């Protein structure tokens, strides 16, 4: 079974290019190492409406079987 993952990194600084996103690519590497697919990967700022909209879009359009989120720790 090929499981499709979407990975959403929430980080103002990574979104603005002030620092590299390390957690999103690390999750993608782990997912791929297990033989699964990354169907979507996105870095977005810490904005509640944008986060909710992104996750709802991915969930409602069937773009992924599993959605992983990371970041938002600043």
N, C-alpha and C. Protein backbone atom coordinates (compact mmCIF):
# COMPACT_ATOMS: atom_id res chain seq x y z
N UNK A 1 0.84 -1.19 0.00
CA UNK A 1 0.00 0.00 0.00
C UNK A 1 0.88 1.24 0.00
N UNK A 2 0.65 2.14 -0.94
CA UNK A 2 1.43 3.37 -1.00
C UNK A 2 0.67 4.47 -0.27
N UNK A 3 1.16 4.85 0.89
CA UNK A 3 0.54 5.89 1.70
C UNK A 3 1.10 7.24 1.26
N UNK A 4 0.21 8.20 1.07
CA UNK A 4 0.61 9.55 0.67
C UNK A 4 0.55 10.48 1.87
N UNK A 5 1.64 11.18 2.10
CA UNK A 5 1.75 12.12 3.21
C UNK A 5 1.81 13.54 2.68
N UNK A 6 1.20 14.46 3.41
CA UNK A 6 1.36 15.89 3.19
C UNK A 6 2.07 16.43 4.43
N UNK A 7 3.03 17.33 4.22
CA UNK A 7 3.82 17.87 5.33
C UNK A 7 3.71 19.38 5.32
N UNK A 8 3.22 19.93 6.42
CA UNK A 8 3.04 21.37 6.55
C UNK A 8 3.95 21.87 7.68
N UNK A 9 4.90 22.72 7.32
CA UNK A 9 5.76 23.36 8.30
C UNK A 9 5.21 24.75 8.58
N UNK A 10 4.99 25.05 9.85
CA UNK A 10 4.51 26.37 10.26
C UNK A 10 5.68 27.11 10.90
N UNK A 11 6.15 28.14 10.22
CA UNK A 11 7.29 28.90 10.72
C UNK A 11 7.36 30.25 10.01
N UNK A 12 7.24 31.32 10.76
CA UNK A 12 7.35 32.65 10.16
C UNK A 12 8.74 32.85 9.56
N UNK A 13 9.77 32.51 10.32
CA UNK A 13 11.14 32.76 9.84
C UNK A 13 11.50 31.90 8.64
N UNK A 14 11.11 30.64 8.63
CA UNK A 14 11.39 29.79 7.47
C UNK A 14 10.60 30.26 6.26
N UNK A 15 9.36 30.67 6.47
CA UNK A 15 8.54 31.18 5.38
C UNK A 15 9.17 32.41 4.75
N UNK A 16 9.73 33.30 5.58
CA UNK A 16 10.36 34.53 5.08
C UNK A 16 11.78 34.30 4.57
N UNK A 17 12.29 33.08 4.69
CA UNK A 17 13.63 32.78 4.22
C UNK A 17 14.73 33.22 5.17
N UNK A 18 14.38 33.49 6.42
CA UNK A 18 15.36 33.94 7.41
C UNK A 18 16.12 32.77 8.04
N UNK A 19 15.57 31.59 7.92
CA UNK A 19 16.28 30.39 8.36
C UNK A 19 15.73 29.20 7.58
N UNK A 20 16.56 28.22 7.36
CA UNK A 20 16.08 27.05 6.60
C UNK A 20 15.12 26.20 7.42
N UNK A 21 14.16 25.63 6.72
CA UNK A 21 13.26 24.67 7.36
C UNK A 21 13.98 23.34 7.43
N UNK A 22 14.26 22.89 8.63
CA UNK A 22 14.92 21.60 8.78
C UNK A 22 13.94 20.48 9.13
N UNK A 23 12.84 20.83 9.80
CA UNK A 23 11.93 19.79 10.25
C UNK A 23 11.09 19.20 9.11
N UNK A 24 10.62 20.04 8.19
CA UNK A 24 9.85 19.52 7.06
C UNK A 24 10.64 18.54 6.21
N UNK A 25 11.85 18.94 5.77
CA UNK A 25 12.67 18.00 5.00
C UNK A 25 13.04 16.74 5.79
N UNK A 26 13.24 16.86 7.10
CA UNK A 26 13.55 15.68 7.92
C UNK A 26 12.37 14.72 7.93
N UNK A 27 11.17 15.26 8.07
CA UNK A 27 9.97 14.40 8.01
C UNK A 27 9.83 13.75 6.64
N UNK A 28 10.06 14.53 5.58
CA UNK A 28 9.96 13.99 4.22
C UNK A 28 10.97 12.86 4.01
N UNK A 29 12.18 13.05 4.49
CA UNK A 29 13.21 12.02 4.36
C UNK A 29 12.78 10.74 5.09
N UNK A 30 12.24 10.89 6.29
CA UNK A 30 11.77 9.73 7.06
C UNK A 30 10.64 9.02 6.32
N UNK A 31 9.67 9.78 5.84
CA UNK A 31 8.53 9.20 5.12
C UNK A 31 9.02 8.41 3.91
N UNK A 32 9.90 9.03 3.12
CA UNK A 32 10.40 8.36 1.91
C UNK A 32 11.26 7.13 2.24
N UNK A 33 11.97 7.19 3.36
CA UNK A 33 12.80 6.04 3.74
C UNK A 33 11.96 4.81 4.07
N UNK A 34 10.69 5.02 4.36
CA UNK A 34 9.79 3.92 4.66
C UNK A 34 9.06 3.44 3.40
N UNK A 35 9.36 4.08 2.27
CA UNK A 35 8.75 3.68 1.01
C UNK A 35 7.43 4.36 0.72
N UNK A 36 7.09 5.37 1.49
CA UNK A 36 5.85 6.09 1.29
C UNK A 36 6.12 7.34 0.44
N UNK A 37 5.06 7.98 0.00
CA UNK A 37 5.18 9.15 -0.87
C UNK A 37 4.85 10.43 -0.13
N UNK A 38 5.52 11.51 -0.52
CA UNK A 38 5.17 12.85 -0.05
C UNK A 38 4.43 13.52 -1.20
N UNK A 39 3.13 13.70 -1.03
CA UNK A 39 2.31 14.28 -2.10
C UNK A 39 2.27 15.80 -2.05
N UNK A 40 2.47 16.36 -0.88
CA UNK A 40 2.47 17.81 -0.69
C UNK A 40 3.47 18.17 0.40
N UNK A 41 4.13 19.29 0.24
CA UNK A 41 5.01 19.83 1.28
C UNK A 41 4.97 21.34 1.16
N UNK A 42 4.74 22.00 2.28
CA UNK A 42 4.55 23.44 2.23
C UNK A 42 5.05 24.06 3.53
N UNK A 43 5.66 25.23 3.42
CA UNK A 43 6.04 26.03 4.58
C UNK A 43 5.18 27.28 4.57
N UNK A 44 4.48 27.51 5.68
CA UNK A 44 3.58 28.64 5.76
C UNK A 44 3.84 29.43 7.04
N UNK A 45 3.44 30.71 7.07
CA UNK A 45 3.63 31.49 8.29
C UNK A 45 2.64 31.07 9.38
N UNK A 46 2.91 31.50 10.59
CA UNK A 46 2.08 31.17 11.74
C UNK A 46 0.82 32.05 11.74
N UNK A 47 -0.13 31.66 10.91
CA UNK A 47 -1.38 32.39 10.75
C UNK A 47 -2.51 31.36 10.84
N UNK A 48 -3.35 31.50 11.86
CA UNK A 48 -4.36 30.48 12.15
C UNK A 48 -5.26 30.18 10.95
N UNK A 49 -5.72 31.20 10.26
CA UNK A 49 -6.60 30.97 9.11
C UNK A 49 -5.88 30.27 7.97
N UNK A 50 -4.64 30.64 7.72
CA UNK A 50 -3.87 29.99 6.66
C UNK A 50 -3.57 28.54 7.00
N UNK A 51 -3.23 28.28 8.26
CA UNK A 51 -2.97 26.90 8.69
C UNK A 51 -4.23 26.06 8.51
N UNK A 52 -5.34 26.56 9.05
CA UNK A 52 -6.61 25.81 8.95
C UNK A 52 -7.00 25.60 7.50
N UNK A 53 -6.86 26.64 6.68
CA UNK A 53 -7.23 26.52 5.27
C UNK A 53 -6.39 25.50 4.53
N UNK A 54 -5.10 25.50 4.80
CA UNK A 54 -4.19 24.54 4.15
C UNK A 54 -4.57 23.12 4.54
N UNK A 55 -4.74 22.89 5.83
CA UNK A 55 -5.06 21.54 6.30
C UNK A 55 -6.43 21.09 5.81
N UNK A 56 -7.40 21.99 5.82
CA UNK A 56 -8.73 21.64 5.32
C UNK A 56 -8.69 21.31 3.83
N UNK A 57 -7.94 22.10 3.07
CA UNK A 57 -7.82 21.85 1.63
C UNK A 57 -7.23 20.47 1.38
N UNK A 58 -6.13 20.17 2.06
CA UNK A 58 -5.50 18.87 1.87
C UNK A 58 -6.43 17.73 2.28
N UNK A 59 -7.14 17.91 3.38
CA UNK A 59 -8.05 16.85 3.86
C UNK A 59 -9.25 16.68 2.94
N UNK A 60 -9.81 17.78 2.49
CA UNK A 60 -11.04 17.72 1.68
C UNK A 60 -10.83 17.33 0.24
N UNK A 61 -9.63 17.53 -0.27
CA UNK A 61 -9.38 17.20 -1.68
C UNK A 61 -8.72 15.83 -1.86
N UNK A 62 -8.46 15.16 -0.76
CA UNK A 62 -7.87 13.82 -0.86
C UNK A 62 -6.45 13.80 -1.37
N UNK A 63 -5.71 14.89 -1.16
CA UNK A 63 -4.35 14.98 -1.65
C UNK A 63 -3.38 14.14 -0.82
N UNK A 64 -3.83 13.68 0.34
CA UNK A 64 -2.95 12.89 1.21
C UNK A 64 -3.79 11.96 2.06
N UNK A 65 -3.17 10.87 2.45
CA UNK A 65 -3.83 9.94 3.39
C UNK A 65 -3.54 10.36 4.83
N UNK A 66 -2.37 10.95 5.03
CA UNK A 66 -1.94 11.39 6.36
C UNK A 66 -1.31 12.77 6.22
N UNK A 67 -1.68 13.67 7.13
CA UNK A 67 -1.13 15.03 7.15
C UNK A 67 -0.25 15.17 8.39
N UNK A 68 0.99 15.57 8.18
CA UNK A 68 1.91 15.83 9.28
C UNK A 68 2.14 17.33 9.38
N UNK A 69 2.17 17.85 10.60
CA UNK A 69 2.50 19.25 10.80
C UNK A 69 3.72 19.34 11.71
N UNK A 70 4.47 20.41 11.51
CA UNK A 70 5.67 20.62 12.30
C UNK A 70 5.92 22.12 12.40
N UNK A 71 6.65 22.52 13.42
CA UNK A 71 7.00 23.92 13.57
C UNK A 71 6.10 24.63 14.55
N UNK A 72 6.12 25.95 14.46
CA UNK A 72 5.30 26.77 15.33
C UNK A 72 5.81 26.82 16.77
N UNK A 73 7.11 26.65 16.93
CA UNK A 73 7.65 26.59 18.29
C UNK A 73 8.29 27.90 18.73
N UNK A 74 8.34 28.91 17.85
CA UNK A 74 9.05 30.13 18.13
C UNK A 74 8.38 31.07 19.04
